Amino acid sequence: MTETQDEARLVGADRVLAVLAELARHADGVGLDEMARAMASPKPTVHRALASLRRAGFAAQDGHGRYVLGDEFLRLAFAHHEARPDHVRVVPVLQALSERYGETAHYATLDGRWVVYRSKLDPPTGAVRLSSVVGGRNPAHTTAVGKLLLSGILRSEQAVRDWIGDIPLTTPTPTSIGSAPQLYEELVRTRERGFGVDNQENEAGVNCLAVPVFLNSPSAPSGAVSVSALAYRTPLERLIEDVPVIRAIVEDPA
């Protein structure tokens, strides 16, 4: 096979993966025309990619001819997620926190400028729809888990400036941090107290408190566990007062 043929095959594989990623954004299904527009690609090209995914069981068509994720892809994804060691070990912690506070509990890790939600557990009753989903991302600087994890690696204002780079910090709410000096000061406070807070900085009306989780090392956190609560129902002050209790649950959920 020539180098040109090799590159063409790689581009084709990349296109199939891109179509799969776009398909995952449409839980209610998506038509071929809409998918082609979203991909900015010709319909025959997108159709070939979808045909490859259907043969693998990674895509399917519903009764209206719209494309959805296939059962085989969902089976693999859920089986992998359920078997992840961090997920298995952290679920009892999330369950204990969710039951105690009647709020949503998360386990998240840091990935560059983002936090990635690895596990999430809603309370048995009174759950509300949050922006977080398993596998989803939120800006690290607007979340309690993100600020907690950043506080361990960004230890100077220059390090914060380098981390921000040329991309401005997003400010989804009026209380969001929007500058390097603000973020540096917040990271210093976070490092000193040993927990992170989000005072309605990522979603209006929702506050959050996060503590570190040490699954793989006694000194370097593998991620952070958080309680995300409706501000009127569980004020941030209550969560802060309960930090010793939250830490105890993380260490021993039983």
C-alpha atoms as a PDB file:
ATOM      1  CA  MET A   1       0.000   0.000   0.000  1.00  0.00           C
ATOM      2  CA  THR A   2       1.366   3.426  -0.948  1.00  0.00           C
ATOM      3  CA  GLU A   3       1.671   6.306   1.527  1.00  0.00           C
ATOM      4  CA  THR A   4      -1.135   8.146  -0.279  1.00  0.00           C
ATOM      5  CA  GLN A   5      -3.448   5.137   0.049  1.00  0.00           C
ATOM      6  CA  ASP A   6      -2.539   4.826   3.718  1.00  0.00           C
ATOM      7  CA  GLU A   7      -3.410   8.487   4.313  1.00  0.00           C
ATOM      8  CA  ALA A   8      -6.712   8.100   2.456  1.00  0.00           C
ATOM      9  CA  ARG A   9      -7.656   5.113   4.588  1.00  0.00           C
ATOM     10  CA  LEU A  10      -6.807   7.054   7.765  1.00  0.00           C
ATOM     11  CA  VAL A  11      -8.933   9.990   6.641  1.00  0.00           C
ATOM     12  CA  GLY A  12     -11.794   7.595   5.925  1.00  0.00           C
ATOM     13  CA  ALA A  13     -11.512   6.062   9.396  1.00  0.00           C
ATOM     14  CA  ASP A  14     -11.371   9.513  10.955  1.00  0.00           C
ATOM     15  CA  ARG A  15     -14.532  10.473   9.088  1.00  0.00           C
ATOM     16  CA  VAL A  16     -16.410   7.430  10.391  1.00  0.00           C
ATOM     17  CA  LEU A  17     -15.361   8.303  13.948  1.00  0.00           C
ATOM     18  CA  ALA A  18     -16.431  11.909  13.417  1.00  0.00           C
ATOM     19  CA  VAL A  19     -19.855  10.743  12.223  1.00  0.00           C
ATOM     20  CA  LEU A  20     -20.117   8.483  15.277  1.00  0.00           C
ATOM     21  CA  ALA A  21     -19.304  11.412  17.582  1.00  0.00           C
ATOM     22  CA  GLU A  22     -21.890  13.622  15.864  1.00  0.00           C
ATOM     23  CA  LEU A  23     -24.485  10.851  16.026  1.00  0.00           C
ATOM     24  CA  ALA A  24     -23.988  10.654  19.796  1.00  0.00           C
ATOM     25  CA  ARG A  25     -25.138  14.286  20.072  1.00  0.00           C
ATOM     26  CA  HIS A  26     -28.610  13.412  18.760  1.00  0.00           C
ATOM     27  CA  ALA A  27     -30.365  11.261  21.342  1.00  0.00           C
ATOM     28  CA  ASP A  28     -33.661  11.556  19.442  1.00  0.00           C
ATOM     29  CA  GLY A  29     -32.077  10.525  16.165  1.00  0.00           C
ATOM     30  CA  VAL A  30     -30.954  12.502  13.137  1.00  0.00           C
ATOM     31  CA  GLY A  31     -31.753  12.383   9.449  1.00  0.00           C
ATOM     32  CA  LEU A  32     -29.152  12.016   6.710  1.00  0.00           C
ATOM     33  CA  ASP A  33     -29.647  15.573   5.431  1.00  0.00           C
ATOM     34  CA  GLU A  34     -29.242  17.055   8.916  1.00  0.00           C
ATOM     35  CA  MET A  35     -26.188  14.900   9.598  1.00  0.00           C
ATOM     36  CA  ALA A  36     -24.567  15.965   6.307  1.00  0.00           C
ATOM     37  CA  ARG A  37     -25.111  19.630   7.175  1.00  0.00           C
ATOM     38  CA  ALA A  38     -23.698  19.156  10.680  1.00  0.00           C
ATOM     39  CA  MET A  39     -20.637  17.396   9.271  1.00  0.00           C
ATOM     40  CA  ALA A  40     -20.269  19.846   6.363  1.00  0.00           C
ATOM     41  CA  SER A  41     -19.792  16.789   4.147  1.00  0.00           C
ATOM     42  CA  PRO A  42     -21.561  15.440   1.047  1.00  0.00           C
ATOM     43  CA  LYS A  43     -24.496  13.140   1.737  1.00  0.00           C
ATOM     44  CA  PRO A  44     -22.927  10.122  -0.060  1.00  0.00           C
ATOM     45  CA  THR A  45     -19.824  10.441   2.125  1.00  0.00           C
ATOM     46  CA  VAL A  46     -21.843  10.592   5.331  1.00  0.00           C
ATOM     47  CA  HIS A  47     -24.086   7.775   4.136  1.00  0.00           C
ATOM     48  CA  ARG A  48     -21.066   5.508   3.583  1.00  0.00           C
ATOM     49  CA  ALA A  49     -19.789   6.277   7.074  1.00  0.00           C
ATOM     50  CA  LEU A  50     -23.202   5.519   8.567  1.00  0.00           C
ATOM     51  CA  ALA A  51     -23.351   2.267   6.609  1.00  0.00           C
ATOM     52  CA  SER A  52     -20.015   1.220   8.126  1.00  0.00           C
ATOM     53  CA  LEU A  53     -21.305   2.029  11.602  1.00  0.00           C
ATOM     54  CA  ARG A  54     -24.527   0.091  10.977  1.00  0.00           C
ATOM     55  CA  ARG A  55     -22.580  -3.001   9.887  1.00  0.00           C
ATOM     56  CA  ALA A  56     -20.663  -2.849  13.171  1.00  0.00           C
ATOM     57  CA  GLY A  57     -23.850  -2.371  15.189  1.00  0.00           C
ATOM     58  CA  PHE A  58     -22.705   1.100  16.248  1.00  0.00           C
ATOM     59  CA  ALA A  59     -25.572   2.846  14.429  1.00  0.00           C
ATOM     60  CA  ALA A  60     -29.159   1.937  13.586  1.00  0.00           C
ATOM     61  CA  GLN A  61     -32.262   3.472  12.038  1.00  0.00           C
ATOM     62  CA  ASP A  62     -35.495   3.976  13.927  1.00  0.00           C
ATOM     63  CA  GLY A  63     -38.994   3.505  12.492  1.00  0.00           C
ATOM     64  CA  HIS A  64     -38.857   6.960  10.900  1.00  0.00           C
ATOM     65  CA  GLY A  65     -35.555   6.369   9.111  1.00  0.00           C
ATOM     66  CA  ARG A  66     -33.575   8.561  11.490  1.00  0.00           C
ATOM     67  CA  TYR A  67     -30.152   7.397  12.615  1.00  0.00           C
ATOM     68  CA  VAL A  68     -29.437   6.624  16.284  1.00  0.00           C
ATOM     69  CA  LEU A  69     -26.601   5.006  18.203  1.00  0.00           C
ATOM     70  CA  GLY A  70     -26.721   1.245  17.848  1.00  0.00           C
ATOM     71  CA  ASP A  71     -27.307  -1.209  20.669  1.00  0.00           C
ATOM     72  CA  GLU A  72     -23.875  -2.788  20.253  1.00  0.00           C
ATOM     73  CA  PHE A  73     -22.139   0.547  20.770  1.00  0.00           C
ATOM     74  CA  LEU A  74     -24.249   1.253  23.865  1.00  0.00           C
ATOM     75  CA  ARG A  75     -23.587  -2.234  25.222  1.00  0.00           C
ATOM     76  CA  LEU A  76     -19.835  -1.806  24.883  1.00  0.00           C
ATOM     77  CA  ALA A  77     -19.876   1.701  26.352  1.00  0.00           C
ATOM     78  CA  PHE A  78     -21.956   0.771  29.386  1.00  0.00           C
ATOM     79  CA  ALA A  79     -20.055  -2.467  29.999  1.00  0.00           C
ATOM     80  CA  HIS A  80     -16.757  -0.589  29.893  1.00  0.00           C
ATOM     81  CA  HIS A  81     -18.015   2.164  32.179  1.00  0.00           C
ATOM     82  CA  GLU A  82     -19.463  -0.245  34.742  1.00  0.00           C
ATOM     83  CA  ALA A  83     -16.218  -2.240  34.832  1.00  0.00           C
ATOM     84  CA  ARG A  84     -13.850   0.718  35.276  1.00  0.00           C
ATOM     85  CA  PRO A  85     -12.043   0.332  38.617  1.00  0.00           C
ATOM     86  CA  ASP A  86     -12.532   3.993  39.556  1.00  0.00           C
ATOM     87  CA  HIS A  87     -16.260   3.779  38.823  1.00  0.00           C
ATOM     88  CA  VAL A  88     -16.687   0.598  40.863  1.00  0.00           C
ATOM     89  CA  ARG A  89     -14.802   2.050  43.832  1.00  0.00           C
ATOM     90  CA  VAL A  90     -16.439   5.464  43.847  1.00  0.00           C
ATOM     91  CA  VAL A  91     -20.115   4.525  43.386  1.00  0.00           C
ATOM     92  CA  PRO A  92     -20.683   3.672  47.085  1.00  0.00           C
ATOM     93  CA  VAL A  93     -19.270   7.108  47.975  1.00  0.00           C
ATOM     94  CA  LEU A  94     -21.599   8.873  45.543  1.00  0.00           C
ATOM     95  CA  GLN A  95     -24.563   6.872  46.798  1.00  0.00           C
ATOM     96  CA  ALA A  96     -23.833   7.746  50.425  1.00  0.00           C
ATOM     97  CA  LEU A  97     -23.424  11.455  49.631  1.00  0.00           C
ATOM     98  CA  SER A  98     -26.525  11.597  47.434  1.00  0.00           C
ATOM     99  CA  GLU A  99     -28.653   9.915  50.081  1.00  0.00           C
ATOM    100  CA  ARG A 100     -27.347  12.104  52.905  1.00  0.00           C
ATOM    101  CA  TYR A 101     -27.891  15.454  51.184  1.00  0.00           C
ATOM    102  CA  GLY A 102     -30.663  14.606  48.743  1.00  0.00           C
ATOM    103  CA  GLU A 103     -28.556  16.128  45.980  1.00  0.00           C
ATOM    104  CA  THR A 104     -26.481  14.990  42.994  1.00  0.00           C
ATOM    105  CA  ALA A 105     -22.992  13.585  43.594  1.00  0.00           C
ATOM    106  CA  HIS A 106     -20.216  13.420  40.982  1.00  0.00           C
ATOM    107  CA  TYR A 107     -16.795  11.923  40.466  1.00  0.00           C
ATOM    108  CA  ALA A 108     -14.696  13.889  37.971  1.00  0.00           C
ATOM    109  CA  THR A 109     -11.147  14.115  36.668  1.00  0.00           C
ATOM    110  CA  LEU A 110      -9.140  16.911  35.080  1.00  0.00           C
ATOM    111  CA  ASP A 111      -8.387  17.015  31.352  1.00  0.00           C
ATOM    112  CA  GLY A 112      -6.615  20.218  30.366  1.00  0.00           C
ATOM    113  CA  ARG A 113      -9.052  23.116  30.641  1.00  0.00           C
ATOM    114  CA  TRP A 114     -11.945  20.789  31.395  1.00  0.00           C
ATOM    115  CA  VAL A 115     -13.287  18.424  34.005  1.00  0.00           C
ATOM    116  CA  VAL A 116     -14.667  15.124  32.749  1.00  0.00           C
ATOM    117  CA  TYR A 117     -17.490  13.498  34.702  1.00  0.00           C
ATOM    118  CA  ARG A 118     -16.679   9.821  35.205  1.00  0.00           C
ATOM    119  CA  SER A 119     -19.624   8.969  37.443  1.00  0.00           C
ATOM    120  CA  LYS A 120     -22.810  10.694  38.549  1.00  0.00           C
ATOM    121  CA  LEU A 121     -25.569   9.716  40.932  1.00  0.00           C
ATOM    122  CA  ASP A 122     -28.838  11.579  41.423  1.00  0.00           C
ATOM    123  CA  PRO A 123     -30.818  11.440  44.675  1.00  0.00           C
ATOM    124  CA  PRO A 124     -33.748   9.008  44.933  1.00  0.00           C
ATOM    125  CA  THR A 125     -36.208  11.935  44.894  1.00  0.00           C
ATOM    126  CA  GLY A 126     -36.038  15.625  44.056  1.00  0.00           C
ATOM    127  CA  ALA A 127     -33.406  15.328  41.339  1.00  0.00           C
ATOM    128  CA  VAL A 128     -33.040  18.263  38.953  1.00  0.00           C
ATOM    129  CA  ARG A 129     -31.531  18.394  35.506  1.00  0.00           C
ATOM    130  CA  LEU A 130     -27.921  19.613  35.644  1.00  0.00           C
ATOM    131  CA  SER A 131     -25.540  20.306  32.769  1.00  0.00           C
ATOM    132  CA  SER A 132     -23.298  17.432  33.860  1.00  0.00           C
ATOM    133  CA  VAL A 133     -23.523  14.017  32.197  1.00  0.00           C
ATOM    134  CA  VAL A 134     -21.238  11.005  32.455  1.00  0.00           C
ATOM    135  CA  GLY A 135     -18.505  11.530  29.891  1.00  0.00           C
ATOM    136  CA  GLY A 136     -19.434  15.196  29.575  1.00  0.00           C
ATOM    137  CA  ARG A 137     -17.245  18.199  30.280  1.00  0.00           C
ATOM    138  CA  ASN A 138     -17.429  21.548  32.006  1.00  0.00           C
ATOM    139  CA  PRO A 139     -14.812  24.310  32.291  1.00  0.00           C
ATOM    140  CA  ALA A 140     -12.384  23.530  35.114  1.00  0.00           C
ATOM    141  CA  HIS A 141     -12.255  27.119  36.370  1.00  0.00           C
ATOM    142  CA  THR A 142     -16.035  27.310  36.953  1.00  0.00           C
ATOM    143  CA  THR A 143     -16.402  24.031  38.846  1.00  0.00           C
ATOM    144  CA  ALA A 144     -15.512  22.985  42.385  1.00  0.00           C
ATOM    145  CA  VAL A 145     -13.859  19.777  41.192  1.00  0.00           C
ATOM    146  CA  GLY A 146     -11.869  21.648  38.552  1.00  0.00           C
ATOM    147  CA  LYS A 147     -10.575  24.337  40.903  1.00  0.00           C
ATOM    148  CA  LEU A 148      -9.650  21.732  43.493  1.00  0.00           C
ATOM    149  CA  LEU A 149      -7.618  19.701  40.998  1.00  0.00           C
ATOM    150  CA  LEU A 150      -6.067  22.804  39.411  1.00  0.00           C
ATOM    151  CA  SER A 151      -4.945  24.025  42.828  1.00  0.00           C
ATOM    152  CA  GLY A 152      -2.518  21.134  43.039  1.00  0.00           C
ATOM    153  CA  ILE A 153      -0.759  21.875  39.749  1.00  0.00           C
ATOM    154  CA  LEU A 154      -1.004  25.651  39.216  1.00  0.00           C
ATOM    155  CA  ARG A 155       1.002  27.062  42.124  1.00  0.00           C
ATOM    156  CA  SER A 156       1.950  30.492  40.796  1.00  0.00           C
ATOM    157  CA  GLU A 157       0.128  33.277  39.004  1.00  0.00           C
ATOM    158  CA  GLN A 158       2.399  32.786  36.004  1.00  0.00           C
ATOM    159  CA  ALA A 159       1.436  29.103  35.892  1.00  0.00           C
ATOM    160  CA  VAL A 160      -2.208  30.175  35.867  1.00  0.00           C
ATOM    161  CA  ARG A 161      -1.533  32.648  33.038  1.00  0.00           C
ATOM    162  CA  ASP A 162       0.290  29.975  31.038  1.00  0.00           C
ATOM    163  CA  TRP A 163      -2.604  27.561  31.591  1.00  0.00           C
ATOM    164  CA  ILE A 164      -5.129  30.141  30.364  1.00  0.00           C
ATOM    165  CA  GLY A 165      -3.001  31.062  27.358  1.00  0.00           C
ATOM    166  CA  ASP A 166      -4.704  33.018  24.583  1.00  0.00           C
ATOM    167  CA  ILE A 167      -8.178  31.581  25.186  1.00  0.00           C
ATOM    168  CA  PRO A 168     -10.254  33.819  27.494  1.00  0.00           C
ATOM    169  CA  LEU A 169     -11.926  32.237  30.493  1.00  0.00           C
ATOM    170  CA  THR A 170     -15.634  31.681  29.941  1.00  0.00           C
ATOM    171  CA  THR A 171     -18.044  33.278  32.424  1.00  0.00           C
ATOM    172  CA  PRO A 172     -21.369  31.404  32.217  1.00  0.00           C
ATOM    173  CA  THR A 173     -22.780  33.180  35.293  1.00  0.00           C
ATOM    174  CA  PRO A 174     -22.229  36.578  36.971  1.00  0.00           C
ATOM    175  CA  THR A 175     -20.176  34.918  39.731  1.00  0.00           C
ATOM    176  CA  SER A 176     -17.815  33.062  37.378  1.00  0.00           C
ATOM    177  CA  ILE A 177     -14.095  33.772  37.609  1.00  0.00           C
ATOM    178  CA  GLY A 178     -12.929  35.606  34.505  1.00  0.00           C
ATOM    179  CA  SER A 179      -9.289  36.610  34.984  1.00  0.00           C
ATOM    180  CA  ALA A 180      -5.926  35.093  35.863  1.00  0.00           C
ATOM    181  CA  PRO A 181      -5.493  37.063  39.140  1.00  0.00           C
ATOM    182  CA  GLN A 182      -8.961  36.014  40.310  1.00  0.00           C
ATOM    183  CA  LEU A 183      -8.322  32.382  39.471  1.00  0.00           C
ATOM    184  CA  TYR A 184      -4.900  32.395  41.124  1.00  0.00           C
ATOM    185  CA  GLU A 185      -6.345  33.828  44.351  1.00  0.00           C
ATOM    186  CA  GLU A 186      -9.121  31.248  44.325  1.00  0.00           C
ATOM    187  CA  LEU A 187      -6.644  28.406  43.790  1.00  0.00           C
ATOM    188  CA  VAL A 188      -4.556  29.619  46.738  1.00  0.00           C
ATOM    189  CA  ARG A 189      -7.651  29.612  48.958  1.00  0.00           C
ATOM    190  CA  THR A 190      -8.634  26.188  47.650  1.00  0.00           C
ATOM    191  CA  ARG A 191      -5.193  24.731  48.299  1.00  0.00           C
ATOM    192  CA  GLU A 192      -5.108  26.129  51.842  1.00  0.00           C
ATOM    193  CA  ARG A 193      -8.505  24.770  52.875  1.00  0.00           C
ATOM    194  CA  GLY A 194      -8.229  21.469  50.986  1.00  0.00           C
ATOM    195  CA  PHE A 195     -11.584  21.578  49.225  1.00  0.00           C
ATOM    196  CA  GLY A 196     -13.095  23.363  46.220  1.00  0.00           C
ATOM    197  CA  VAL A 197     -16.282  25.382  45.991  1.00  0.00           C
ATOM    198  CA  ASP A 198     -18.476  26.590  43.165  1.00  0.00           C
ATOM    199  CA  ASN A 199     -20.770  29.409  44.291  1.00  0.00           C
ATOM    200  CA  GLN A 200     -23.227  29.304  41.370  1.00  0.00           C
ATOM    201  CA  GLU A 201     -20.287  29.808  38.996  1.00  0.00           C
ATOM    202  CA  ASN A 202     -21.091  27.052  36.517  1.00  0.00           C
ATOM    203  CA  GLU A 203     -24.898  27.059  36.690  1.00  0.00           C
ATOM    204  CA  ALA A 204     -27.103  29.728  38.222  1.00  0.00           C
ATOM    205  CA  GLY A 205     -28.895  28.422  41.289  1.00  0.00           C
ATOM    206  CA  VAL A 206     -26.533  25.481  41.755  1.00  0.00           C
ATOM    207  CA  ASN A 207     -23.598  25.422  44.154  1.00  0.00           C
ATOM    208  CA  CYS A 208     -21.053  22.698  44.683  1.00  0.00           C
ATOM    209  CA  LEU A 209     -18.347  21.497  47.053  1.00  0.00           C
ATOM    210  CA  ALA A 210     -15.590  19.049  46.117  1.00  0.00           C
ATOM    211  CA  VAL A 211     -12.996  17.027  48.026  1.00  0.00           C
ATOM    212  CA  PRO A 212     -10.110  14.994  46.588  1.00  0.00           C
ATOM    213  CA  VAL A 213     -10.205  11.248  46.000  1.00  0.00           C
ATOM    214  CA  PHE A 214      -7.055   9.133  46.157  1.00  0.00           C
ATOM    215  CA  LEU A 215      -7.755   5.935  44.236  1.00  0.00           C
ATOM    216  CA  ASN A 216      -4.303   5.223  42.839  1.00  0.00           C
ATOM    217  CA  SER A 217      -1.877   7.133  45.055  1.00  0.00           C
ATOM    218  CA  PRO A 218      -1.884   8.333  48.677  1.00  0.00           C
ATOM    219  CA  SER A 219      -0.408  11.678  47.648  1.00  0.00           C
ATOM    220  CA  ALA A 220      -1.758  12.536  44.170  1.00  0.00           C
ATOM    221  CA  PRO A 221      -5.553  12.713  43.782  1.00  0.00           C
ATOM    222  CA  SER A 222      -6.993  10.629  40.965  1.00  0.00           C
ATOM    223  CA  GLY A 223      -9.949  12.994  40.810  1.00  0.00           C
ATOM    224  CA  ALA A 224     -12.505  14.673  43.024  1.00  0.00           C
ATOM    225  CA  VAL A 225     -15.934  13.900  44.429  1.00  0.00           C
ATOM    226  CA  SER A 226     -18.489  16.670  44.664  1.00  0.00           C
ATOM    227  CA  VAL A 227     -21.960  17.385  45.970  1.00  0.00           C
ATOM    228  CA  SER A 228     -23.879  19.613  43.539  1.00  0.00           C
ATOM    229  CA  ALA A 229     -26.872  21.182  45.238  1.00  0.00           C
ATOM    230  CA  LEU A 230     -29.696  23.589  44.582  1.00  0.00           C
ATOM    231  CA  ALA A 231     -28.646  26.763  46.387  1.00  0.00           C
ATOM    232  CA  TYR A 232     -32.059  27.375  47.974  1.00  0.00           C
ATOM    233  CA  ARG A 233     -32.309  23.774  49.192  1.00  0.00           C
ATOM    234  CA  THR A 234     -28.760  23.079  50.360  1.00  0.00           C
ATOM    235  CA  PRO A 235     -26.831  26.337  50.864  1.00  0.00           C
ATOM    236  CA  LEU A 236     -23.104  26.340  50.221  1.00  0.00           C
ATOM    237  CA  GLU A 237     -22.520  27.303  53.854  1.00  0.00           C
ATOM    238  CA  ARG A 238     -24.081  24.020  54.991  1.00  0.00           C
ATOM    239  CA  LEU A 239     -21.799  22.016  52.706  1.00  0.00           C
ATOM    240  CA  ILE A 240     -18.754  23.889  53.968  1.00  0.00           C
ATOM    241  CA  GLU A 241     -19.753  23.186  57.579  1.00  0.00           C
ATOM    242  CA  ASP A 242     -20.124  19.527  56.645  1.00  0.00           C
ATOM    243  CA  VAL A 243     -16.671  19.139  55.054  1.00  0.00           C
ATOM    244  CA  PRO A 244     -15.460  16.789  57.843  1.00  0.00           C
ATOM    245  CA  VAL A 245     -18.539  14.620  57.298  1.00  0.00           C
ATOM    246  CA  ILE A 246     -18.068  14.603  53.509  1.00  0.00           C
ATOM    247  CA  ARG A 247     -14.417  13.657  53.875  1.00  0.00           C
ATOM    248  CA  ALA A 248     -15.332  10.847  56.250  1.00  0.00           C
ATOM    249  CA  ILE A 249     -17.875   9.475  53.756  1.00  0.00           C
ATOM    250  CA  VAL A 250     -15.282   9.588  50.959  1.00  0.00           C
ATOM    251  CA  GLU A 251     -12.839   7.642  53.123  1.00  0.00           C
ATOM    252  CA  ASP A 252     -15.429   5.119  54.308  1.00  0.00           C
ATOM    253  CA  PRO A 253     -18.871   5.248  52.620  1.00  0.00           C
ATOM    254  CA  ALA A 254     -20.151   2.389  54.767  1.00  0.00           C
END
